[in-house]
N, C-alpha and C. Protein backbone atom coordinates (compact mmCIF):
# COMPACT_ATOMS: atom_id res chain seq x y z
N MET A 1 0.81 -1.20 0.00
CA MET A 1 0.00 0.00 0.00
C MET A 1 0.85 1.26 0.00
N LEU A 2 2.06 1.21 0.54
CA LEU A 2 2.86 2.42 0.64
C LEU A 2 3.18 3.04 -0.71
N PRO A 3 3.59 2.27 -1.72
CA PRO A 3 3.83 2.93 -3.02
C PRO A 3 2.57 3.56 -3.60
N TYR A 4 1.42 2.93 -3.40
CA TYR A 4 0.16 3.50 -3.89
C TYR A 4 -0.17 4.80 -3.15
N ILE A 5 -0.01 4.78 -1.84
CA ILE A 5 -0.31 5.97 -1.04
C ILE A 5 0.69 7.08 -1.34
N ALA A 6 1.95 6.72 -1.55
CA ALA A 6 2.99 7.72 -1.78
C ALA A 6 2.75 8.50 -3.07
N THR A 7 2.12 7.90 -4.04
CA THR A 7 1.85 8.64 -5.28
C THR A 7 0.73 9.65 -5.12
N HIS A 8 -0.13 9.49 -4.12
CA HIS A 8 -1.27 10.38 -3.93
C HIS A 8 -1.07 11.43 -2.85
N LEU A 9 0.02 11.36 -2.12
CA LEU A 9 0.29 12.31 -1.05
C LEU A 9 1.50 13.16 -1.37
N SER A 10 1.50 14.36 -0.83
CA SER A 10 2.70 15.19 -0.98
C SER A 10 3.76 14.73 0.02
N GLN A 11 4.94 15.29 -0.10
CA GLN A 11 6.02 14.86 0.80
C GLN A 11 5.72 15.20 2.25
N SER A 12 5.15 16.36 2.50
CA SER A 12 4.85 16.72 3.89
C SER A 12 3.75 15.84 4.47
N GLU A 13 2.73 15.51 3.67
CA GLU A 13 1.68 14.62 4.15
C GLU A 13 2.20 13.21 4.40
N LEU A 14 3.08 12.74 3.53
CA LEU A 14 3.66 11.41 3.72
C LEU A 14 4.55 11.37 4.96
N GLY A 15 5.29 12.44 5.21
CA GLY A 15 6.11 12.53 6.42
C GLY A 15 5.27 12.55 7.67
N ARG A 16 4.16 13.29 7.63
CA ARG A 16 3.24 13.34 8.77
C ARG A 16 2.63 11.97 9.03
N LEU A 17 2.26 11.26 7.96
CA LEU A 17 1.71 9.92 8.10
C LEU A 17 2.74 8.97 8.70
N GLU A 18 3.98 9.10 8.28
CA GLU A 18 5.04 8.23 8.81
C GLU A 18 5.27 8.49 10.30
N VAL A 19 5.26 9.75 10.70
CA VAL A 19 5.46 10.09 12.12
C VAL A 19 4.30 9.55 12.96
N LEU A 20 3.06 9.73 12.48
CA LEU A 20 1.90 9.25 13.22
C LEU A 20 1.89 7.73 13.33
N SER A 21 2.26 7.05 12.27
CA SER A 21 2.28 5.58 12.34
C SER A 21 3.39 5.09 13.25
N THR A 22 4.52 5.78 13.27
CA THR A 22 5.60 5.39 14.18
C THR A 22 5.20 5.57 15.63
N ILE A 23 4.53 6.68 15.94
CA ILE A 23 4.07 6.92 17.30
C ILE A 23 3.03 5.87 17.70
N ALA A 24 2.12 5.53 16.79
CA ALA A 24 1.10 4.51 17.09
C ALA A 24 1.74 3.16 17.34
N ILE A 25 2.76 2.81 16.59
CA ILE A 25 3.44 1.53 16.79
C ILE A 25 4.14 1.49 18.14
N ILE A 26 4.82 2.57 18.51
CA ILE A 26 5.52 2.62 19.79
C ILE A 26 4.53 2.51 20.96
N ILE A 27 3.40 3.22 20.87
CA ILE A 27 2.40 3.16 21.93
C ILE A 27 1.81 1.76 22.03
N SER A 28 1.55 1.12 20.89
CA SER A 28 0.99 -0.24 20.94
C SER A 28 1.99 -1.24 21.53
N ILE A 29 3.27 -1.04 21.28
CA ILE A 29 4.29 -1.91 21.89
C ILE A 29 4.31 -1.72 23.40
N ILE A 30 4.25 -0.49 23.86
CA ILE A 30 4.26 -0.22 25.31
C ILE A 30 3.04 -0.83 25.98
N PHE A 31 1.86 -0.67 25.37
CA PHE A 31 0.66 -1.27 25.95
C PHE A 31 0.72 -2.79 25.89
N GLY A 32 1.29 -3.32 24.85
CA GLY A 32 1.39 -4.77 24.70
C GLY A 32 2.31 -5.40 25.73
N LEU A 33 3.29 -4.66 26.20
CA LEU A 33 4.21 -5.19 27.20
C LEU A 33 3.54 -5.39 28.56
N SER A 34 2.46 -4.68 28.81
CA SER A 34 1.81 -4.80 30.11
C SER A 34 0.60 -5.73 30.08
N LEU A 35 0.28 -6.31 28.94
CA LEU A 35 -0.90 -7.17 28.88
C LEU A 35 -0.75 -8.45 29.69
N HIS A 36 0.44 -8.99 29.76
CA HIS A 36 0.62 -10.23 30.53
C HIS A 36 0.39 -9.99 32.02
N GLU A 37 0.71 -8.80 32.50
CA GLU A 37 0.45 -8.50 33.91
C GLU A 37 -1.04 -8.48 34.20
N ALA A 38 -1.82 -7.93 33.32
CA ALA A 38 -3.27 -7.92 33.52
C ALA A 38 -3.83 -9.34 33.45
N LEU A 39 -3.28 -10.14 32.56
CA LEU A 39 -3.73 -11.53 32.46
C LEU A 39 -3.43 -12.28 33.74
N TYR A 40 -2.25 -12.13 34.29
CA TYR A 40 -1.90 -12.80 35.54
C TYR A 40 -2.76 -12.30 36.69
N ARG A 41 -3.08 -11.03 36.68
CA ARG A 41 -3.83 -10.45 37.79
C ARG A 41 -5.26 -10.97 37.82
N PHE A 42 -5.91 -11.08 36.68
CA PHE A 42 -7.33 -11.39 36.66
C PHE A 42 -7.66 -12.85 36.36
N SER A 43 -6.70 -13.64 35.95
CA SER A 43 -7.04 -15.03 35.63
C SER A 43 -6.32 -16.05 36.49
N GLY A 44 -5.52 -15.62 37.41
CA GLY A 44 -4.80 -16.55 38.26
C GLY A 44 -5.67 -17.08 39.38
N ILE A 45 -5.15 -18.09 40.06
CA ILE A 45 -5.86 -18.66 41.19
C ILE A 45 -5.39 -17.92 42.44
N ALA A 46 -6.29 -17.14 43.01
CA ALA A 46 -5.96 -16.38 44.22
C ALA A 46 -7.26 -16.06 44.95
N ASN A 47 -7.12 -15.76 46.21
CA ASN A 47 -8.32 -15.35 46.94
C ASN A 47 -8.60 -13.88 46.64
N GLU A 48 -9.70 -13.37 47.15
CA GLU A 48 -10.13 -12.03 46.81
C GLU A 48 -9.16 -10.97 47.30
N ASN A 49 -8.49 -11.19 48.43
CA ASN A 49 -7.56 -10.18 48.95
C ASN A 49 -6.37 -9.98 48.02
N LYS A 50 -5.86 -11.07 47.45
CA LYS A 50 -4.71 -10.95 46.57
C LYS A 50 -5.08 -10.34 45.22
N LYS A 51 -6.31 -10.57 44.76
CA LYS A 51 -6.73 -10.00 43.49
C LYS A 51 -6.85 -8.49 43.56
N LYS A 52 -7.23 -7.98 44.72
CA LYS A 52 -7.37 -6.52 44.88
C LYS A 52 -6.01 -5.90 44.96
């Protein structure tokens, strides 16, 4: 898709798209790193005091 999109956008618009996609990827990686902690917290075997 990038070559197709690159022909329809100007250089500044393509640069802005690249920056926004890079920021979105970095944020998704950071959120993805903490998903296992939420999984352990809510699906493990523990009593109610430990879950809180």
